[in-house]
Amino acid sequence: MTGEVSVLIPSLLRPLVGGQQELRLTVEPGGATVVALLEVIGGEFPVFNRRVRDETGALRRFVNIYLDGDDVRRLKGLKTTVAAGQELMIIQSVAGG
């Protein structure tokens, strides 16, 4: 039986996903990796994908993704498995001077 994962989108990236603050993605019973979920979002919103990941597919250094409050970089990075019912929160750092 499939389930859903909630992906929270920061205000700076919302225009790239049609103004949505949350995306609900379907996952299989074994879950999906963070990179697989980003691929799904990027398939529908390519500009979003380019803002979150670099040309090698790695997370841009000013983008952080949290799985239920834990930084995925401290878990298994983009290979971290996300199960149904969990929440991914994408945070884009803002710098200025």
PDB file of N, CA and C in Angstrom:
ATOM      1  N   MET A   1       0.850  -1.185   0.000  1.00  0.00           N
ATOM      2  CA  MET A   1       0.000   0.000   0.000  1.00  0.00           C
ATOM      3  C   MET A   1       0.894   1.246   0.000  1.00  0.00           C
ATOM      4  N   THR A   2       0.570   2.177  -0.849  1.00  0.00           N
ATOM      5  CA  THR A   2       1.361   3.402  -0.959  1.00  0.00           C
ATOM      6  C   THR A   2       0.929   4.411   0.099  1.00  0.00           C
ATOM      7  N   GLY A   3       1.789   5.379   0.336  1.00  0.00           N
ATOM      8  CA  GLY A   3       1.494   6.450   1.277  1.00  0.00           C
ATOM      9  C   GLY A   3       2.011   7.753   0.725  1.00  0.00           C
ATOM     10  N   GLU A   4       1.934   8.788   1.546  1.00  0.00           N
ATOM     11  CA  GLU A   4       2.384  10.105   1.097  1.00  0.00           C
ATOM     12  C   GLU A   4       3.458  10.667   2.003  1.00  0.00           C
ATOM     13  N   VAL A   5       4.314  11.465   1.383  1.00  0.00           N
ATOM     14  CA  VAL A   5       5.347  12.232   2.068  1.00  0.00           C
ATOM     15  C   VAL A   5       5.005  13.701   1.847  1.00  0.00           C
ATOM     16  N   SER A   6       5.169  14.491   2.879  1.00  0.00           N
ATOM     17  CA  SER A   6       4.932  15.925   2.784  1.00  0.00           C
ATOM     18  C   SER A   6       6.276  16.627   2.578  1.00  0.00           C
ATOM     19  N   VAL A   7       6.351  17.496   1.564  1.00  0.00           N
ATOM     20  CA  VAL A   7       7.563  18.265   1.299  1.00  0.00           C
ATOM     21  C   VAL A   7       7.209  19.741   1.474  1.00  0.00           C
ATOM     22  N   LEU A   8       7.786  20.359   2.498  1.00  0.00           N
ATOM     23  CA  LEU A   8       7.519  21.775   2.771  1.00  0.00           C
ATOM     24  C   LEU A   8       8.474  22.633   1.957  1.00  0.00           C
ATOM     25  N   ILE A   9       7.927  23.606   1.250  1.00  0.00           N
ATOM     26  CA  ILE A   9       8.687  24.454   0.334  1.00  0.00           C
ATOM     27  C   ILE A   9       8.853  25.842   0.949  1.00  0.00           C
ATOM     28  N   PRO A  10      10.090  26.356   1.016  1.00  0.00           N
ATOM     29  CA  PRO A  10      10.288  27.699   1.584  1.00  0.00           C
ATOM     30  C   PRO A  10       9.722  28.777   0.669  1.00  0.00           C
ATOM     31  N   SER A  11       9.420  29.916   1.259  1.00  0.00           N
ATOM     32  CA  SER A  11       8.777  30.992   0.500  1.00  0.00           C
ATOM     33  C   SER A  11       9.585  31.425  -0.723  1.00  0.00           C
ATOM     34  N   LEU A  12      10.918  31.406  -0.636  1.00  0.00           N
ATOM     35  CA  LEU A  12      11.736  31.817  -1.780  1.00  0.00           C
ATOM     36  C   LEU A  12      11.590  30.883  -2.981  1.00  0.00           C
ATOM     37  N   LEU A  13      11.260  29.617  -2.736  1.00  0.00           N
ATOM     38  CA  LEU A  13      11.144  28.652  -3.832  1.00  0.00           C
ATOM     39  C   LEU A  13       9.702  28.416  -4.271  1.00  0.00           C
ATOM     40  N   ARG A  14       8.748  28.920  -3.539  1.00  0.00           N
ATOM     41  CA  ARG A  14       7.331  28.675  -3.866  1.00  0.00           C
ATOM     42  C   ARG A  14       6.931  29.136  -5.267  1.00  0.00           C
ATOM     43  N   PRO A  15       7.438  30.273  -5.758  1.00  0.00           N
ATOM     44  CA  PRO A  15       7.059  30.654  -7.123  1.00  0.00           C
ATOM     45  C   PRO A  15       7.469  29.606  -8.165  1.00  0.00           C
ATOM     46  N   LEU A  16       8.463  28.791  -7.845  1.00  0.00           N
ATOM     47  CA  LEU A  16       8.950  27.780  -8.791  1.00  0.00           C
ATOM     48  C   LEU A  16       8.104  26.513  -8.785  1.00  0.00           C
ATOM     49  N   VAL A  17       7.196  26.392  -7.800  1.00  0.00           N
ATOM     50  CA  VAL A  17       6.306  25.231  -7.722  1.00  0.00           C
ATOM     51  C   VAL A  17       4.838  25.673  -7.722  1.00  0.00           C
ATOM     52  N   GLY A  18       4.581  26.717  -8.476  1.00  0.00           N
ATOM     53  CA  GLY A  18       3.204  27.192  -8.613  1.00  0.00           C
ATOM     54  C   GLY A  18       2.636  27.826  -7.364  1.00  0.00           C
ATOM     55  N   GLY A  19       3.510  28.343  -6.487  1.00  0.00           N
ATOM     56  CA  GLY A  19       3.050  29.019  -5.285  1.00  0.00           C
ATOM     57  C   GLY A  19       2.705  28.099  -4.128  1.00  0.00           C
ATOM     58  N   GLN A  20       2.893  26.812  -4.297  1.00  0.00           N
ATOM     59  CA  GLN A  20       2.524  25.851  -3.251  1.00  0.00           C
ATOM     60  C   GLN A  20       3.519  25.889  -2.087  1.00  0.00           C
ATOM     61  N   GLN A  21       2.998  25.811  -0.866  1.00  0.00           N
ATOM     62  CA  GLN A  21       3.876  25.766   0.296  1.00  0.00           C
ATOM     63  C   GLN A  21       4.161  24.336   0.723  1.00  0.00           C
ATOM     64  N   GLU A  22       3.371  23.402   0.218  1.00  0.00           N
ATOM     65  CA  GLU A  22       3.569  21.996   0.545  1.00  0.00           C
ATOM     66  C   GLU A  22       3.234  21.134  -0.666  1.00  0.00           C
ATOM     67  N   LEU A  23       4.097  20.164  -0.922  1.00  0.00           N
ATOM     68  CA  LEU A  23       3.838  19.184  -1.970  1.00  0.00           C
ATOM     69  C   LEU A  23       3.626  17.838  -1.290  1.00  0.00           C
ATOM     70  N   ARG A  24       2.648  17.075  -1.742  1.00  0.00           N
ATOM     71  CA  ARG A  24       2.396  15.744  -1.203  1.00  0.00           C
ATOM     72  C   ARG A  24       2.758  14.748  -2.293  1.00  0.00           C
ATOM     73  N   LEU A  25       3.755  13.914  -2.005  1.00  0.00           N
ATOM     74  CA  LEU A  25       4.252  12.952  -2.978  1.00  0.00           C
ATOM     75  C   LEU A  25       3.944  11.536  -2.521  1.00  0.00           C
ATOM     76  N   THR A  26       3.550  10.706  -3.456  1.00  0.00           N
ATOM     77  CA  THR A  26       3.235   9.315  -3.164  1.00  0.00           C
ATOM     78  C   THR A  26       4.511   8.486  -3.138  1.00  0.00           C
ATOM     79  N   VAL A  27       4.630   7.626  -2.122  1.00  0.00           N
ATOM     80  CA  VAL A  27       5.775   6.725  -2.029  1.00  0.00           C
ATOM     81  C   VAL A  27       5.277   5.293  -1.860  1.00  0.00           C
ATOM     82  N   GLU A  28       6.096   4.364  -2.311  1.00  0.00           N
ATOM     83  CA  GLU A  28       5.801   2.942  -2.168  1.00  0.00           C
ATOM     84  C   GLU A  28       6.010   2.525  -0.711  1.00  0.00           C
ATOM     85  N   PRO A  29       5.580   1.326  -0.333  1.00  0.00           N
ATOM     86  CA  PRO A  29       5.718   0.885   1.058  1.00  0.00           C
ATOM     87  C   PRO A  29       7.147   0.943   1.606  1.00  0.00           C
ATOM     88  N   GLY A  30       8.154   0.695   0.788  1.00  0.00           N
ATOM     89  CA  GLY A  30       9.535   0.746   1.258  1.00  0.00           C
ATOM     90  C   GLY A  30      10.089   2.154   1.355  1.00  0.00           C
ATOM     91  N   GLY A  31       9.310   3.141   0.966  1.00  0.00           N
ATOM     92  CA  GLY A  31       9.750   4.528   0.986  1.00  0.00           C
ATOM     93  C   GLY A  31      10.458   4.902  -0.307  1.00  0.00           C
ATOM     94  N   ALA A  32      11.052   6.073  -0.306  1.00  0.00           N
ATOM     95  CA  ALA A  32      11.791   6.583  -1.465  1.00  0.00           C
ATOM     96  C   ALA A  32      12.961   7.394  -0.936  1.00  0.00           C
ATOM     97  N   THR A  33      14.013   7.488  -1.713  1.00  0.00           N
ATOM     98  CA  THR A  33      15.151   8.296  -1.287  1.00  0.00           C
ATOM     99  C   THR A  33      14.844   9.773  -1.512  1.00  0.00           C
ATOM    100  N   VAL A  34      15.587  10.611  -0.825  1.00  0.00           N
ATOM    101  CA  VAL A  34      15.440  12.056  -0.996  1.00  0.00           C
ATOM    102  C   VAL A  34      15.684  12.422  -2.454  1.00  0.00           C
ATOM    103  N   VAL A  35      16.719  11.842  -3.064  1.00  0.00           N
ATOM    104  CA  VAL A  35      17.021  12.164  -4.460  1.00  0.00           C
ATOM    105  C   VAL A  35      15.872  11.755  -5.377  1.00  0.00           C
ATOM    106  N   ALA A  36      15.231  10.634  -5.116  1.00  0.00           N
ATOM    107  CA  ALA A  36      14.091  10.203  -5.949  1.00  0.00           C
ATOM    108  C   ALA A  36      12.932  11.189  -5.826  1.00  0.00           C
ATOM    109  N   LEU A  37      12.696  11.680  -4.616  1.00  0.00           N
ATOM    110  CA  LEU A  37      11.628  12.663  -4.425  1.00  0.00           C
ATOM    111  C   LEU A  37      11.962  13.978  -5.123  1.00  0.00           C
ATOM    112  N   LEU A  38      13.228  14.393  -5.055  1.00  0.00           N
ATOM    113  CA  LEU A  38      13.634  15.609  -5.762  1.00  0.00           C
ATOM    114  C   LEU A  38      13.498  15.441  -7.269  1.00  0.00           C
ATOM    115  N   GLU A  39      13.757  14.240  -7.757  1.00  0.00           N
ATOM    116  CA  GLU A  39      13.594  13.969  -9.196  1.00  0.00           C
ATOM    117  C   GLU A  39      12.127  14.107  -9.604  1.00  0.00           C
ATOM    118  N   VAL A  40      11.226  13.622  -8.760  1.00  0.00           N
ATOM    119  CA  VAL A  40       9.787  13.741  -9.047  1.00  0.00           C
ATOM    120  C   VAL A  40       9.395  15.222  -9.118  1.00  0.00           C
ATOM    121  N   ILE A  41       9.834  15.988  -8.127  1.00  0.00           N
ATOM    122  CA  ILE A  41       9.517  17.429  -8.118  1.00  0.00           C
ATOM    123  C   ILE A  41      10.152  18.104  -9.323  1.00  0.00           C
ATOM    124  N   GLY A  42      11.420  17.784  -9.597  1.00  0.00           N
ATOM    125  CA  GLY A  42      12.128  18.377 -10.730  1.00  0.00           C
ATOM    126  C   GLY A  42      11.527  18.015 -12.071  1.00  0.00           C
ATOM    127  N   GLY A  43      10.901  16.847 -12.152  1.00  0.00           N
ATOM    128  CA  GLY A  43      10.245  16.450 -13.394  1.00  0.00           C
ATOM    129  C   GLY A  43       9.079  17.368 -13.732  1.00  0.00           C
ATOM    130  N   GLU A  44       8.409  17.832 -12.699  1.00  0.00           N
ATOM    131  CA  GLU A  44       7.275  18.734 -12.906  1.00  0.00           C
ATOM    132  C   GLU A  44       7.688  20.204 -12.882  1.00  0.00           C
ATOM    133  N   PHE A  45       8.721  20.496 -12.095  1.00  0.00           N
ATOM    134  CA  PHE A  45       9.181  21.880 -11.919  1.00  0.00           C
ATOM    135  C   PHE A  45      10.698  21.935 -12.115  1.00  0.00           C
ATOM    136  N   PRO A  46      11.192  21.908 -13.359  1.00  0.00           N
ATOM    137  CA  PRO A  46      12.637  21.836 -13.627  1.00  0.00           C
ATOM    138  C   PRO A  46      13.458  22.978 -13.026  1.00  0.00           C
ATOM    139  N   VAL A  47      12.927  24.178 -12.976  1.00  0.00           N
ATOM    140  CA  VAL A  47      13.682  25.305 -12.445  1.00  0.00           C
ATOM    141  C   VAL A  47      13.911  25.109 -10.937  1.00  0.00           C
ATOM    142  N   PHE A  48      12.927  24.555 -10.254  1.00  0.00           N
ATOM    143  CA  PHE A  48      13.081  24.239  -8.834  1.00  0.00           C
ATOM    144  C   PHE A  48      14.280  23.322  -8.637  1.00  0.00           C
ATOM    145  N   ASN A  49      14.361  22.290  -9.441  1.00  0.00           N
ATOM    146  CA  ASN A  49      15.450  21.321  -9.342  1.00  0.00           C
ATOM    147  C   ASN A  49      16.811  22.004  -9.508  1.00  0.00           C
ATOM    148  N   ARG A  50      16.918  22.915 -10.460  1.00  0.00           N
ATOM    149  CA  ARG A  50      18.186  23.612 -10.698  1.00  0.00           C
ATOM    150  C   ARG A  50      18.562  24.544  -9.554  1.00  0.00           C
ATOM    151  N   ARG A  51      17.580  25.055  -8.841  1.00  0.00           N
ATOM    152  CA  ARG A  51      17.862  25.935  -7.700  1.00  0.00           C
ATOM    153  C   ARG A  51      18.282  25.153  -6.461  1.00  0.00           C
ATOM    154  N   VAL A  52      17.860  23.886  -6.373  1.00  0.00           N
ATOM    155  CA  VAL A  52      18.139  23.071  -5.196  1.00  0.00           C
ATOM    156  C   VAL A  52      19.397  22.220  -5.375  1.00  0.00           C
ATOM    157  N   ARG A  53      19.642  21.754  -6.607  1.00  0.00           N
ATOM    158  CA  ARG A  53      20.775  20.865  -6.862  1.00  0.00           C
ATOM    159  C   ARG A  53      21.675  21.452  -7.934  1.00  0.00           C
ATOM    160  N   ASP A  54      22.977  21.151  -7.833  1.00  0.00           N
ATOM    161  CA  ASP A  54      23.923  21.645  -8.832  1.00  0.00           C
ATOM    162  C   ASP A  54      23.953  20.712 -10.042  1.00  0.00           C
ATOM    163  N   GLU A  55      24.843  21.010 -10.996  1.00  0.00           N
ATOM    164  CA  GLU A  55      24.902  20.241 -12.245  1.00  0.00           C
ATOM    165  C   GLU A  55      25.331  18.790 -12.035  1.00  0.00           C
ATOM    166  N   THR A  56      25.939  18.475 -10.887  1.00  0.00           N
ATOM    167  CA  THR A  56      26.329  17.088 -10.591  1.00  0.00           C
ATOM    168  C   THR A  56      25.215  16.330  -9.880  1.00  0.00           C
ATOM    169  N   GLY A  57      24.157  17.038  -9.491  1.00  0.00           N
ATOM    170  CA  GLY A  57      23.051  16.408  -8.777  1.00  0.00           C
ATOM    171  C   GLY A  57      23.136  16.547  -7.270  1.00  0.00           C
ATOM    172  N   ALA A  58      24.246  17.126  -6.775  1.00  0.00           N
ATOM    173  CA  ALA A  58      24.417  17.315  -5.331  1.00  0.00           C
ATOM    174  C   ALA A  58      23.587  18.512  -4.852  1.00  0.00           C
ATOM    175  N   LEU A  59      23.237  18.489  -3.572  1.00  0.00           N
ATOM    176  CA  LEU A  59      22.553  19.644  -2.994  1.00  0.00           C
ATOM    177  C   LEU A  59      23.456  20.858  -3.067  1.00  0.00           C
ATOM    178  N   ARG A  60      22.896  21.978  -3.428  1.00  0.00           N
ATOM    179  CA  ARG A  60      23.680  23.217  -3.391  1.00  0.00           C
ATOM    180  C   ARG A  60      24.011  23.513  -1.935  1.00  0.00           C
ATOM    181  N   ARG A  61      25.154  24.121  -1.695  1.00  0.00           N
ATOM    182  CA  ARG A  61      25.617  24.291  -0.321  1.00  0.00           C
ATOM    183  C   ARG A  61      24.727  25.201   0.511  1.00  0.00           C
ATOM    184  N   PHE A  62      23.933  26.057  -0.116  1.00  0.00           N
ATOM    185  CA  PHE A  62      23.047  26.950   0.623  1.00  0.00           C
ATOM    186  C   PHE A  62      21.642  26.371   0.795  1.00  0.00           C
ATOM    187  N   VAL A  63      21.468  25.111   0.418  1.00  0.00           N
ATOM    188  CA  VAL A  63      20.178  24.440   0.570  1.00  0.00           C
ATOM    189  C   VAL A  63      20.333  23.323   1.595  1.00  0.00           C
ATOM    190  N   ASN A  64      19.434  23.295   2.564  1.00  0.00           N
ATOM    191  CA  ASN A  64      19.413  22.235   3.567  1.00  0.00           C
ATOM    192  C   ASN A  64      18.071  21.536   3.505  1.00  0.00           C
ATOM    193  N   ILE A  65      18.101  20.229   3.682  1.00  0.00           N
ATOM    194  CA  ILE A  65      16.869  19.444   3.704  1.00  0.00           C
ATOM    195  C   ILE A  65      16.833  18.684   5.013  1.00  0.00           C
ATOM    196  N   TYR A  66      15.707  18.784   5.688  1.00  0.00           N
ATOM    197  CA  TYR A  66      15.514  18.117   6.971  1.00  0.00           C
ATOM    198  C   TYR A  66      14.417  17.068   6.847  1.00  0.00           C
ATOM    199  N   LEU A  67      14.682  15.893   7.388  1.00  0.00           N
ATOM    200  CA  LEU A  67      13.699  14.812   7.439  1.00  0.00           C
ATOM    201  C   LEU A  67      13.240  14.705   8.880  1.00  0.00           C
ATOM    202  N   ASP A  68      12.002  15.079   9.130  1.00  0.00           N
ATOM    203  CA  ASP A  68      11.459  15.083  10.491  1.00  0.00           C
ATOM    204  C   ASP A  68      12.417  15.774  11.464  1.00  0.00           C
ATOM    205  N   GLY A  69      13.022  16.886  11.032  1.00  0.00           N
ATOM    206  CA  GLY A  69      13.885  17.686  11.891  1.00  0.00           C
ATOM    207  C   GLY A  69      15.363  17.337  11.850  1.00  0.00           C
ATOM    208  N   ASP A  70      15.740  16.234  11.191  1.00  0.00           N
ATOM    209  CA  ASP A  70      17.144  15.842  11.104  1.00  0.00           C
ATOM    210  C   ASP A  70      17.714  16.224   9.748  1.00  0.00           C
ATOM    211  N   ASP A  71      18.861  16.894   9.745  1.00  0.00           N
ATOM    212  CA  ASP A  71      19.536  17.286   8.514  1.00  0.00           C
ATOM    213  C   ASP A  71      19.931  16.026   7.745  1.00  0.00           C
ATOM    214  N   VAL A  72      19.480  15.896   6.489  1.00  0.00           N
ATOM    215  CA  VAL A  72      19.794  14.679   5.722  1.00  0.00           C
ATOM    216  C   VAL A  72      21.285  14.536   5.480  1.00  0.00           C
ATOM    217  N   ARG A  73      22.038  15.629   5.522  1.00  0.00           N
ATOM    218  CA  ARG A  73      23.491  15.527   5.356  1.00  0.00           C
ATOM    219  C   ARG A  73      24.120  14.734   6.508  1.00  0.00           C
ATOM    220  N   ARG A  74      23.465  14.735   7.656  1.00  0.00           N
ATOM    221  CA  ARG A  74      23.955  13.983   8.814  1.00  0.00           C
ATOM    222  C   ARG A  74      23.408  12.557   8.830  1.00  0.00           C
ATOM    223  N   LEU A  75      22.511  12.262   7.923  1.00  0.00           N
ATOM    224  CA  LEU A  75      21.970  10.912   7.786  1.00  0.00           C
ATOM    225  C   LEU A  75      22.719  10.245   6.637  1.00  0.00           C
ATOM    226  N   LYS A  76      22.022   9.956   5.553  1.00  0.00           N
ATOM    227  CA  LYS A  76      22.671   9.349   4.382  1.00  0.00           C
ATOM    228  C   LYS A  76      22.633  10.285   3.183  1.00  0.00           C
ATOM    229  N   GLY A  77      22.532  11.574   3.453  1.00  0.00           N
ATOM    230  CA  GLY A  77      22.502  12.550   2.368  1.00  0.00           C
ATOM    231  C   GLY A  77      21.294  12.338   1.471  1.00  0.00           C
ATOM    232  N   LEU A  78      21.494  12.486   0.183  1.00  0.00           N
ATOM    233  CA  LEU A  78      20.399  12.328  -0.772  1.00  0.00           C
ATOM    234  C   LEU A  78      19.915  10.883  -0.868  1.00  0.00           C
ATOM    235  N   LYS A  79      20.685   9.951  -0.322  1.00  0.00           N
ATOM    236  CA  LYS A  79      20.285   8.538  -0.327  1.00  0.00           C
ATOM    237  C   LYS A  79      19.441   8.170   0.894  1.00  0.00           C
ATOM    238  N   THR A  80      19.147   9.145   1.742  1.00  0.00           N
ATOM    239  CA  THR A  80      18.304   8.921   2.917  1.00  0.00           C
ATOM    240  C   THR A  80      16.918   8.460   2.466  1.00  0.00           C
ATOM    241  N   THR A  81      16.411   7.418   3.096  1.00  0.00           N
ATOM    242  CA  THR A  81      15.082   6.896   2.759  1.00  0.00           C
ATOM    243  C   THR A  81      14.014   7.662   3.531  1.00  0.00           C
ATOM    244  N   VAL A  82      12.971   8.024   2.812  1.00  0.00           N
ATOM    245  CA  VAL A  82      11.836   8.742   3.382  1.00  0.00           C
ATOM    246  C   VAL A  82      10.626   7.824   3.290  1.00  0.00           C
ATOM    247  N   ALA A  83      10.000   7.576   4.421  1.00  0.00           N
ATOM    248  CA  ALA A  83       8.838   6.683   4.464  1.00  0.00           C
ATOM    249  C   ALA A  83       7.549   7.502   4.460  1.00  0.00           C
ATOM    250  N   ALA A  84       6.465   6.835   4.109  1.00  0.00           N
ATOM    251  CA  ALA A  84       5.148   7.470   4.130  1.00  0.00           C
ATOM    252  C   ALA A  84       4.896   8.046   5.521  1.00  0.00           C
ATOM    253  N   GLY A  85       4.319   9.232   5.559  1.00  0.00           N
ATOM    254  CA  GLY A  85       4.005   9.886   6.818  1.00  0.00           C
ATOM    255  C   GLY A  85       5.105  10.798   7.324  1.00  0.00           C
ATOM    256  N   GLN A  86       6.288  10.733   6.707  1.00  0.00           N
ATOM    257  CA  GLN A  86       7.365  11.614   7.139  1.00  0.00           C
ATOM    258  C   GLN A  86       7.288  12.954   6.409  1.00  0.00           C
ATOM    259  N   GLU A  87       8.046  13.919   6.933  1.00  0.00           N
ATOM    260  CA  GLU A  87       8.025  15.270   6.387  1.00  0.00           C
ATOM    261  C   GLU A  87       9.428  15.716   6.022  1.00  0.00           C
ATOM    262  N   LEU A  88       9.572  16.205   4.802  1.00  0.00           N
ATOM    263  CA  LEU A  88      10.824  16.825   4.357  1.00  0.00           C
ATOM    264  C   LEU A  88      10.617  18.329   4.370  1.00  0.00           C
ATOM    265  N   MET A  89      11.565  19.028   4.931  1.00  0.00           N
ATOM    266  CA  MET A  89      11.507  20.482   4.926  1.00  0.00           C
ATOM    267  C   MET A  89      12.752  20.987   4.216  1.00  0.00           C
ATOM    268  N   ILE A  90      12.545  21.789   3.189  1.00  0.00           N
ATOM    269  CA  ILE A  90      13.649  22.358   2.417  1.00  0.00           C
ATOM    270  C   ILE A  90      13.866  23.783   2.907  1.00  0.00           C
ATOM    271  N   ILE A  91      15.106  24.088   3.250  1.00  0.00           N
ATOM    272  CA  ILE A  91      15.453  25.425   3.736  1.00  0.00           C
ATOM    273  C   ILE A  91      16.516  25.987   2.802  1.00  0.00           C
ATOM    274  N   GLN A  92      16.268  27.167   2.269  1.00  0.00           N
ATOM    275  CA  GLN A  92      17.249  27.840   1.425  1.00  0.00           C
ATOM    276  C   GLN A  92      17.797  29.019   2.188  1.00  0.00           C
ATOM    277  N   SER A  93      19.112  29.007   2.416  1.00  0.00           N
ATOM    278  CA  SER A  93      19.761  30.100   3.142  1.00  0.00           C
ATOM    279  C   SER A  93      19.703  31.371   2.316  1.00  0.00           C
ATOM    280  N   VAL A  94      19.601  32.477   3.007  1.00  0.00           N
ATOM    281  CA  VAL A  94      19.604  33.782   2.361  1.00  0.00           C
ATOM    282  C   VAL A  94      20.800  34.535   2.891  1.00  0.00           C
ATOM    283  N   ALA A  95      21.616  35.032   1.985  1.00  0.00           N
ATOM    284  CA  ALA A  95      22.796  35.783   2.392  1.00  0.00           C
ATOM    285  C   ALA A  95      22.742  37.165   1.744  1.00  0.00           C
ATOM    286  N   GLY A  96      23.357  38.063   2.363  1.00  0.00           N
ATOM    287  CA  GLY A  96      23.380  39.407   1.820  1.00  0.00           C
ATOM    288  C   GLY A  96      24.461  40.229   2.491  1.00  0.00           C
ATOM    289  N   GLY A  97      24.619  41.384   1.977  1.00  0.00           N
ATOM    290  CA  GLY A  97      25.664  42.185   2.600  1.00  0.00           C
ATOM    291  C   GLY A  97      25.521  43.631   2.250  1.00  0.00           C
TER     292      GLY A  97
END
